[in-house]
């Protein structure tokens, strides 16, 4: 009976040490950062956005001009419908259709070009942002920092979101490089 009591007490002590020990010795600090927000709400992100808007407005003006031209062509075609012979009207209609397809391709190309431009601008800032995140992680003693943009993260406490700290540090570093 005495051996069983000692054995039970020893087993209980062993289990307590095994279960509580790792929690005590593995104190870890995790952080989560919204990369998109850190890029867009920072001063370098604001500059990137201004550069993007300049390029976008230029493309938009070109597309609006072409769109106005297409509207005029369509209106002219409709006005001439009753005046033109069927063969002449079909020829003008085919001409309009070809120009419309060219315009649609132009819009698609512009959309692709703008998406690529946005990615290029963001890619220029991401390496610097990664350095800032690493510095914040080391300074604040984080074990790991995860991007909340990644849909794999199922749960996170709002208290470990360090996006604001990253933005502040990113702004500080960008001022030093001007």
Protein backbone atom coordinates (compact mmCIF):
# COMPACT_ATOMS: atom_id res chain seq x y z
CA UNK A 1 0.00 0.00 0.00
CA UNK A 2 2.83 2.31 0.81
CA UNK A 3 4.58 1.53 -2.49
CA UNK A 4 1.38 2.34 -4.39
CA UNK A 5 1.03 5.70 -2.58
CA UNK A 6 4.62 6.64 -3.36
CA UNK A 7 4.24 5.44 -6.90
CA UNK A 8 1.05 7.55 -7.33
CA UNK A 9 2.64 10.63 -5.75
CA UNK A 10 5.75 10.21 -7.94
CA UNK A 11 3.62 9.82 -11.06
CA UNK A 12 1.56 12.89 -10.14
CA UNK A 13 4.70 14.95 -9.54
CA UNK A 14 6.18 13.74 -12.82
CA UNK A 15 3.02 14.68 -14.73
CA UNK A 16 2.90 18.12 -13.11
CA UNK A 17 6.52 18.79 -14.05
CA UNK A 18 6.04 17.49 -17.61
CA UNK A 19 2.86 19.41 -18.25
CA UNK A 20 3.65 22.68 -16.46
CA UNK A 21 7.37 22.74 -17.13
CA UNK A 22 7.24 23.38 -20.86
CA UNK A 23 4.75 26.19 -20.40
CA UNK A 24 6.99 27.90 -17.93
CA UNK A 25 10.19 27.44 -19.89
CA UNK A 26 8.72 28.06 -23.34
CA UNK A 27 7.31 31.51 -22.76
CA UNK A 28 6.81 32.73 -26.27
CA UNK A 29 5.60 35.98 -27.71
CA UNK A 30 3.87 36.02 -31.07
CA UNK A 31 2.95 39.05 -33.13
CA UNK A 32 0.68 39.57 -36.07
CA UNK A 33 1.02 42.29 -38.69
CA UNK A 34 -1.24 43.34 -41.53
CA UNK A 35 1.29 43.86 -44.33
CA UNK A 36 -1.16 45.61 -46.64
CA UNK A 37 -2.15 48.07 -43.91
CA UNK A 38 1.49 48.62 -42.95
CA UNK A 39 2.30 49.44 -46.58
CA UNK A 40 -0.72 51.62 -47.27
CA UNK A 41 -0.86 53.54 -43.97
CA UNK A 42 2.84 54.36 -43.78
CA UNK A 43 4.63 57.38 -45.24
CA UNK A 44 6.54 55.25 -47.78
CA UNK A 45 3.19 53.66 -48.67
CA UNK A 46 1.64 57.09 -49.13
CA UNK A 47 4.44 58.02 -51.55
CA UNK A 48 3.96 54.71 -53.38
CA UNK A 49 0.23 55.40 -53.62
CA UNK A 50 0.86 58.92 -54.97
CA UNK A 51 3.18 57.51 -57.66
CA UNK A 52 0.58 54.91 -58.54
CA UNK A 53 -2.22 57.50 -58.73
CA UNK A 54 -0.14 59.62 -61.11
CA UNK A 55 0.31 56.68 -63.47
CA UNK A 56 -3.34 55.69 -63.03
CA UNK A 57 -4.66 59.18 -63.82
CA UNK A 58 -2.56 59.30 -66.98
CA UNK A 59 -3.98 55.95 -68.16
CA UNK A 60 -7.47 56.97 -67.11
CA UNK A 61 -7.28 60.15 -69.21
CA UNK A 62 -6.19 58.14 -72.27
CA UNK A 63 -9.02 55.66 -71.78
CA UNK A 64 -11.61 58.40 -71.26
CA UNK A 65 -10.51 60.08 -74.47
CA UNK A 66 -10.82 56.80 -76.37
CA UNK A 67 -14.19 56.11 -74.72
CA UNK A 68 -15.52 59.50 -75.83
CA UNK A 69 -14.31 58.76 -79.35
CA UNK A 70 -16.12 55.40 -79.29
CA UNK A 71 -19.34 57.08 -78.12
CA UNK A 72 -19.14 59.59 -80.97
CA UNK A 73 -18.59 56.79 -83.48
CA UNK A 74 -21.60 54.87 -82.10
CA UNK A 75 -23.82 57.97 -82.23
CA UNK A 76 -22.72 58.74 -85.80
CA UNK A 77 -23.39 55.16 -86.79
CA UNK A 78 -26.90 55.28 -85.33
CA UNK A 79 -27.63 58.59 -87.05
CA UNK A 80 -26.49 57.20 -90.41
CA UNK A 81 -28.46 53.96 -90.08
CA UNK A 82 -31.49 55.28 -91.97
CA UNK A 83 -29.45 57.22 -94.56
CA UNK A 84 -26.89 54.59 -95.59
CA UNK A 85 -27.46 51.62 -97.83
CA UNK A 86 -27.37 48.28 -95.99
CA UNK A 87 -23.93 47.34 -97.40
CA UNK A 88 -22.39 50.69 -96.48
CA UNK A 89 -23.98 50.54 -93.02
CA UNK A 90 -22.62 46.99 -92.42
CA UNK A 91 -19.16 48.16 -93.44
CA UNK A 92 -19.29 51.09 -90.99
CA UNK A 93 -20.72 48.82 -88.31
CA UNK A 94 -17.86 46.33 -88.81
CA UNK A 95 -15.39 49.19 -88.63
CA UNK A 96 -16.99 50.32 -85.36
CA UNK A 97 -16.91 46.74 -83.99
CA UNK A 98 -13.19 46.45 -84.75
CA UNK A 99 -12.49 49.77 -83.02
CA UNK A 100 -14.62 48.69 -80.06
CA UNK A 101 -12.61 45.46 -79.71
CA UNK A 102 -9.38 47.49 -79.87
CA UNK A 103 -10.73 49.76 -77.14
CA UNK A 104 -11.71 46.78 -74.96
CA UNK A 105 -8.21 45.31 -75.38
CA UNK A 106 -6.78 48.69 -74.47
CA UNK A 107 -8.83 48.69 -71.23
CA UNK A 108 -7.74 45.14 -70.39
CA UNK A 109 -4.09 46.00 -71.08
CA UNK A 110 -4.38 49.12 -68.92
CA UNK A 111 -5.87 47.11 -66.06
CA UNK A 112 -3.07 44.54 -66.29
CA UNK A 113 -0.46 47.28 -66.51
CA UNK A 114 -1.84 49.07 -63.45
CA UNK A 115 -1.96 45.84 -61.42
CA UNK A 116 1.64 45.12 -62.43
CA UNK A 117 2.69 48.68 -61.55
CA UNK A 118 1.07 48.34 -58.11
CA UNK A 119 2.88 45.03 -57.52
CA UNK A 120 6.21 46.51 -58.62
CA UNK A 121 5.84 49.49 -56.29
CA UNK A 122 4.87 47.24 -53.37
CA UNK A 123 7.75 44.86 -54.15
CA UNK A 124 10.19 47.77 -53.77
CA UNK A 125 8.92 48.48 -50.25
CA UNK A 126 8.46 44.92 -48.98
CA UNK A 127 12.17 44.16 -48.36
CA UNK A 128 12.51 47.32 -46.25
CA UNK A 129 9.25 46.53 -44.44
CA UNK A 130 10.54 43.01 -43.73
CA UNK A 131 13.68 44.51 -42.15
CA UNK A 132 11.50 46.77 -40.00
CA UNK A 133 9.35 43.83 -38.88
CA UNK A 134 12.48 41.86 -38.03
CA UNK A 135 13.87 44.80 -36.05
CA UNK A 136 10.59 45.26 -34.14
CA UNK A 137 10.53 41.51 -33.47
CA UNK A 138 14.05 41.51 -32.06
CA UNK A 139 13.58 44.73 -30.08
CA UNK A 140 10.25 43.64 -28.56
CA UNK A 141 11.31 40.02 -27.95
CA UNK A 142 8.85 38.28 -30.27
CA UNK A 143 9.32 34.59 -30.95
CA UNK A 144 7.54 34.89 -34.28
CA UNK A 145 5.55 37.46 -36.24
CA UNK A 146 2.89 36.32 -38.66
CA UNK A 147 1.15 38.15 -41.46
CA UNK A 148 -2.60 38.37 -40.91
CA UNK A 149 -2.99 38.73 -44.67
CA UNK A 150 -2.39 34.98 -44.81
CA UNK A 151 -5.73 33.17 -44.51
CA UNK A 152 -4.14 30.20 -42.69
CA UNK A 153 -4.19 32.03 -39.35
CA UNK A 154 -7.38 30.89 -37.71
CA UNK A 155 -7.23 32.85 -34.47
CA UNK A 156 -5.23 35.76 -33.17
CA UNK A 157 -5.57 38.00 -30.19
CA UNK A 158 -5.89 41.68 -31.04
CA UNK A 159 -3.34 42.39 -28.30
CA UNK A 160 -0.55 40.81 -30.40
CA UNK A 161 -1.26 42.85 -33.56
CA UNK A 162 1.86 45.00 -33.94
CA UNK A 163 0.90 46.67 -37.23
CA UNK A 164 0.86 50.17 -35.68
CA UNK A 165 4.34 49.69 -34.17
CA UNK A 166 5.62 48.50 -37.54
CA UNK A 167 4.13 51.55 -39.29
CA UNK A 168 5.73 53.90 -36.75
CA UNK A 169 9.14 52.26 -37.14
CA UNK A 170 8.78 52.18 -40.95
CA UNK A 171 7.99 55.91 -40.93
CA UNK A 172 11.01 56.62 -38.71
CA UNK A 173 13.34 54.68 -40.99
CA UNK A 174 11.96 56.24 -44.17
CA UNK A 175 12.57 59.75 -42.78
CA UNK A 176 16.21 58.86 -42.21
CA UNK A 177 16.64 57.87 -45.88
CA UNK A 178 15.29 61.08 -47.44
